[in-house]
Amino acid sequence: MFVVGTDTRRPFPNWRQNYAFATGLSDKLNEKYPGLSQGVRVKDGIYNQSLHPGAVLVEIGSTENTTEEAVRSARLLAGILAGFIAGEE
């Protein structure tokens, strides 16, 4: 799951750019690996995402996942992310 902060608590006028980036990335993940991404959650707070366009918080795995599953998910994400940033995805 991706978490994107908003400007609810303090000014962060470009948060929608991060939201668009996270949504596009989530869509690409689920296109190639259906169900891998649980989508994008918009939360109050900034999470240092105001420091760079396209900055997002990524949550990988939960108490329901093994470490091996989380590591595999991170590797799949890395492959999609590299292509997404390069404009290939």
C-alpha atoms as a PDB file:
ATOM      1  CA  MET A   1       0.000   0.000   0.000  1.00  0.00           C
ATOM      2  CA  PHE A   2       1.095   3.548  -0.700  1.00  0.00           C
ATOM      3  CA  VAL A   3       0.467   6.402   1.727  1.00  0.00           C
ATOM      4  CA  VAL A   4       0.284   9.991   0.523  1.00  0.00           C
ATOM      5  CA  GLY A   5       0.109  12.976   2.843  1.00  0.00           C
ATOM      6  CA  THR A   6      -2.052  16.032   2.228  1.00  0.00           C
ATOM      7  CA  ASP A   7      -2.104  19.704   3.088  1.00  0.00           C
ATOM      8  CA  THR A   8      -4.738  19.311   5.800  1.00  0.00           C
ATOM      9  CA  ARG A   9      -2.419  20.143   8.715  1.00  0.00           C
ATOM     10  CA  ARG A  10       0.013  22.525   7.042  1.00  0.00           C
ATOM     11  CA  PRO A  11       0.748  23.896   3.568  1.00  0.00           C
ATOM     12  CA  PHE A  12       1.716  21.262   1.018  1.00  0.00           C
ATOM     13  CA  PRO A  13       0.312  22.520  -2.296  1.00  0.00           C
ATOM     14  CA  ASN A  14       1.905  19.828  -4.480  1.00  0.00           C
ATOM     15  CA  TRP A  15       0.627  16.755  -2.649  1.00  0.00           C
ATOM     16  CA  ARG A  16      -1.606  15.865  -5.583  1.00  0.00           C
ATOM     17  CA  GLN A  17       1.515  15.257  -7.713  1.00  0.00           C
ATOM     18  CA  ASN A  18       2.598  12.596  -5.228  1.00  0.00           C
ATOM     19  CA  TYR A  19      -0.912  11.169  -5.244  1.00  0.00           C
ATOM     20  CA  ALA A  20      -0.880  10.904  -9.048  1.00  0.00           C
ATOM     21  CA  PHE A  21       2.547   9.248  -8.954  1.00  0.00           C
ATOM     22  CA  ALA A  22       1.447   6.735  -6.296  1.00  0.00           C
ATOM     23  CA  THR A  23      -1.805   5.966  -8.111  1.00  0.00           C
ATOM     24  CA  GLY A  24      -0.005   5.373 -11.398  1.00  0.00           C
ATOM     25  CA  LEU A  25       2.548   3.138  -9.718  1.00  0.00           C
ATOM     26  CA  SER A  26      -0.137   1.201  -7.876  1.00  0.00           C
ATOM     27  CA  ASP A  27      -2.047   0.684 -11.120  1.00  0.00           C
ATOM     28  CA  LYS A  28       1.083  -0.614 -12.892  1.00  0.00           C
ATOM     29  CA  LEU A  29       1.827  -3.004 -10.027  1.00  0.00           C
ATOM     30  CA  ASN A  30      -1.663  -4.440 -10.127  1.00  0.00           C
ATOM     31  CA  GLU A  31      -1.614  -4.610 -13.909  1.00  0.00           C
ATOM     32  CA  LYS A  32       1.451  -6.849 -13.858  1.00  0.00           C
ATOM     33  CA  TYR A  33       0.894  -8.531 -10.474  1.00  0.00           C
ATOM     34  CA  PRO A  34      -2.856  -8.441  -9.703  1.00  0.00           C
ATOM     35  CA  GLY A  35      -3.571  -7.767  -6.047  1.00  0.00           C
ATOM     36  CA  LEU A  36       0.009  -6.900  -5.093  1.00  0.00           C
ATOM     37  CA  SER A  37      -0.842  -3.276  -4.315  1.00  0.00           C
ATOM     38  CA  GLN A  38      -3.605  -2.466  -1.885  1.00  0.00           C
ATOM     39  CA  GLY A  39      -3.923   0.959  -3.474  1.00  0.00           C
ATOM     40  CA  VAL A  40      -3.227   4.453  -2.206  1.00  0.00           C
ATOM     41  CA  ARG A  41      -4.315   5.766   1.175  1.00  0.00           C
ATOM     42  CA  VAL A  42      -4.519   9.535   1.591  1.00  0.00           C
ATOM     43  CA  LYS A  43      -3.746  10.661   5.147  1.00  0.00           C
ATOM     44  CA  ASP A  44      -3.356  13.912   7.056  1.00  0.00           C
ATOM     45  CA  GLY A  45       0.331  14.654   7.453  1.00  0.00           C
ATOM     46  CA  ILE A  46       3.249  15.215   5.127  1.00  0.00           C
ATOM     47  CA  TYR A  47       5.687  12.355   5.896  1.00  0.00           C
ATOM     48  CA  ASN A  48       8.569  14.371   4.349  1.00  0.00           C
ATOM     49  CA  GLN A  49       6.847  14.011   0.985  1.00  0.00           C
ATOM     50  CA  SER A  50       7.105  17.740   0.430  1.00  0.00           C
ATOM     51  CA  LEU A  51      10.854  17.349  -0.047  1.00  0.00           C
ATOM     52  CA  HIS A  52      10.666  15.877  -3.548  1.00  0.00           C
ATOM     53  CA  PRO A  53       7.986  15.358  -6.205  1.00  0.00           C
ATOM     54  CA  GLY A  54       6.947  11.731  -6.419  1.00  0.00           C
ATOM     55  CA  ALA A  55       7.909  10.946  -2.828  1.00  0.00           C
ATOM     56  CA  VAL A  56       5.580   8.354  -1.315  1.00  0.00           C
ATOM     57  CA  LEU A  57       5.472   6.159   1.742  1.00  0.00           C
ATOM     58  CA  VAL A  58       5.353   2.447   0.919  1.00  0.00           C
ATOM     59  CA  GLU A  59       4.049  -0.127   3.352  1.00  0.00           C
ATOM     60  CA  ILE A  60       5.155  -3.648   2.468  1.00  0.00           C
ATOM     61  CA  GLY A  61       3.581  -6.642   4.130  1.00  0.00           C
ATOM     62  CA  SER A  62       1.647  -6.914   7.364  1.00  0.00           C
ATOM     63  CA  THR A  63       1.361  -9.230  10.320  1.00  0.00           C
ATOM     64  CA  GLU A  64      -0.311 -11.642   7.917  1.00  0.00           C
ATOM     65  CA  ASN A  65       2.794 -11.934   5.705  1.00  0.00           C
ATOM     66  CA  THR A  66       6.037 -13.793   6.128  1.00  0.00           C
ATOM     67  CA  THR A  67       9.374 -12.039   5.771  1.00  0.00           C
ATOM     68  CA  GLU A  68       9.943 -13.957   2.545  1.00  0.00           C
ATOM     69  CA  GLU A  69       6.671 -12.667   1.104  1.00  0.00           C
ATOM     70  CA  ALA A  70       7.567  -9.094   2.032  1.00  0.00           C
ATOM     71  CA  VAL A  71      11.018  -9.383   0.470  1.00  0.00           C
ATOM     72  CA  ARG A  72       9.545 -10.839  -2.726  1.00  0.00           C
ATOM     73  CA  SER A  73       6.988  -8.023  -2.871  1.00  0.00           C
ATOM     74  CA  ALA A  74       9.769  -5.450  -2.452  1.00  0.00           C
ATOM     75  CA  ARG A  75      11.689  -6.991  -5.336  1.00  0.00           C
ATOM     76  CA  LEU A  76       8.618  -6.953  -7.582  1.00  0.00           C
ATOM     77  CA  LEU A  77       7.968  -3.330  -6.609  1.00  0.00           C
ATOM     78  CA  ALA A  78      11.584  -2.394  -7.361  1.00  0.00           C
ATOM     79  CA  GLY A  79      11.323  -3.762 -10.890  1.00  0.00           C
ATOM     80  CA  ILE A  80       8.100  -1.914 -11.634  1.00  0.00           C
ATOM     81  CA  LEU A  81       9.352   1.275  -9.966  1.00  0.00           C
ATOM     82  CA  ALA A  82      12.549   1.326 -12.030  1.00  0.00           C
ATOM     83  CA  GLY A  83      10.580   1.044 -15.259  1.00  0.00           C
ATOM     84  CA  PHE A  84       7.963   3.534 -14.102  1.00  0.00           C
ATOM     85  CA  ILE A  85      10.575   6.178 -13.263  1.00  0.00           C
ATOM     86  CA  ALA A  86      12.397   5.565 -16.537  1.00  0.00           C
ATOM     87  CA  GLY A  87       9.127   6.054 -18.406  1.00  0.00           C
ATOM     88  CA  GLU A  88       9.084   2.485 -19.693  1.00  0.00           C
ATOM     89  CA  GLU A  89       5.993   1.393 -17.776  1.00  0.00           C
END
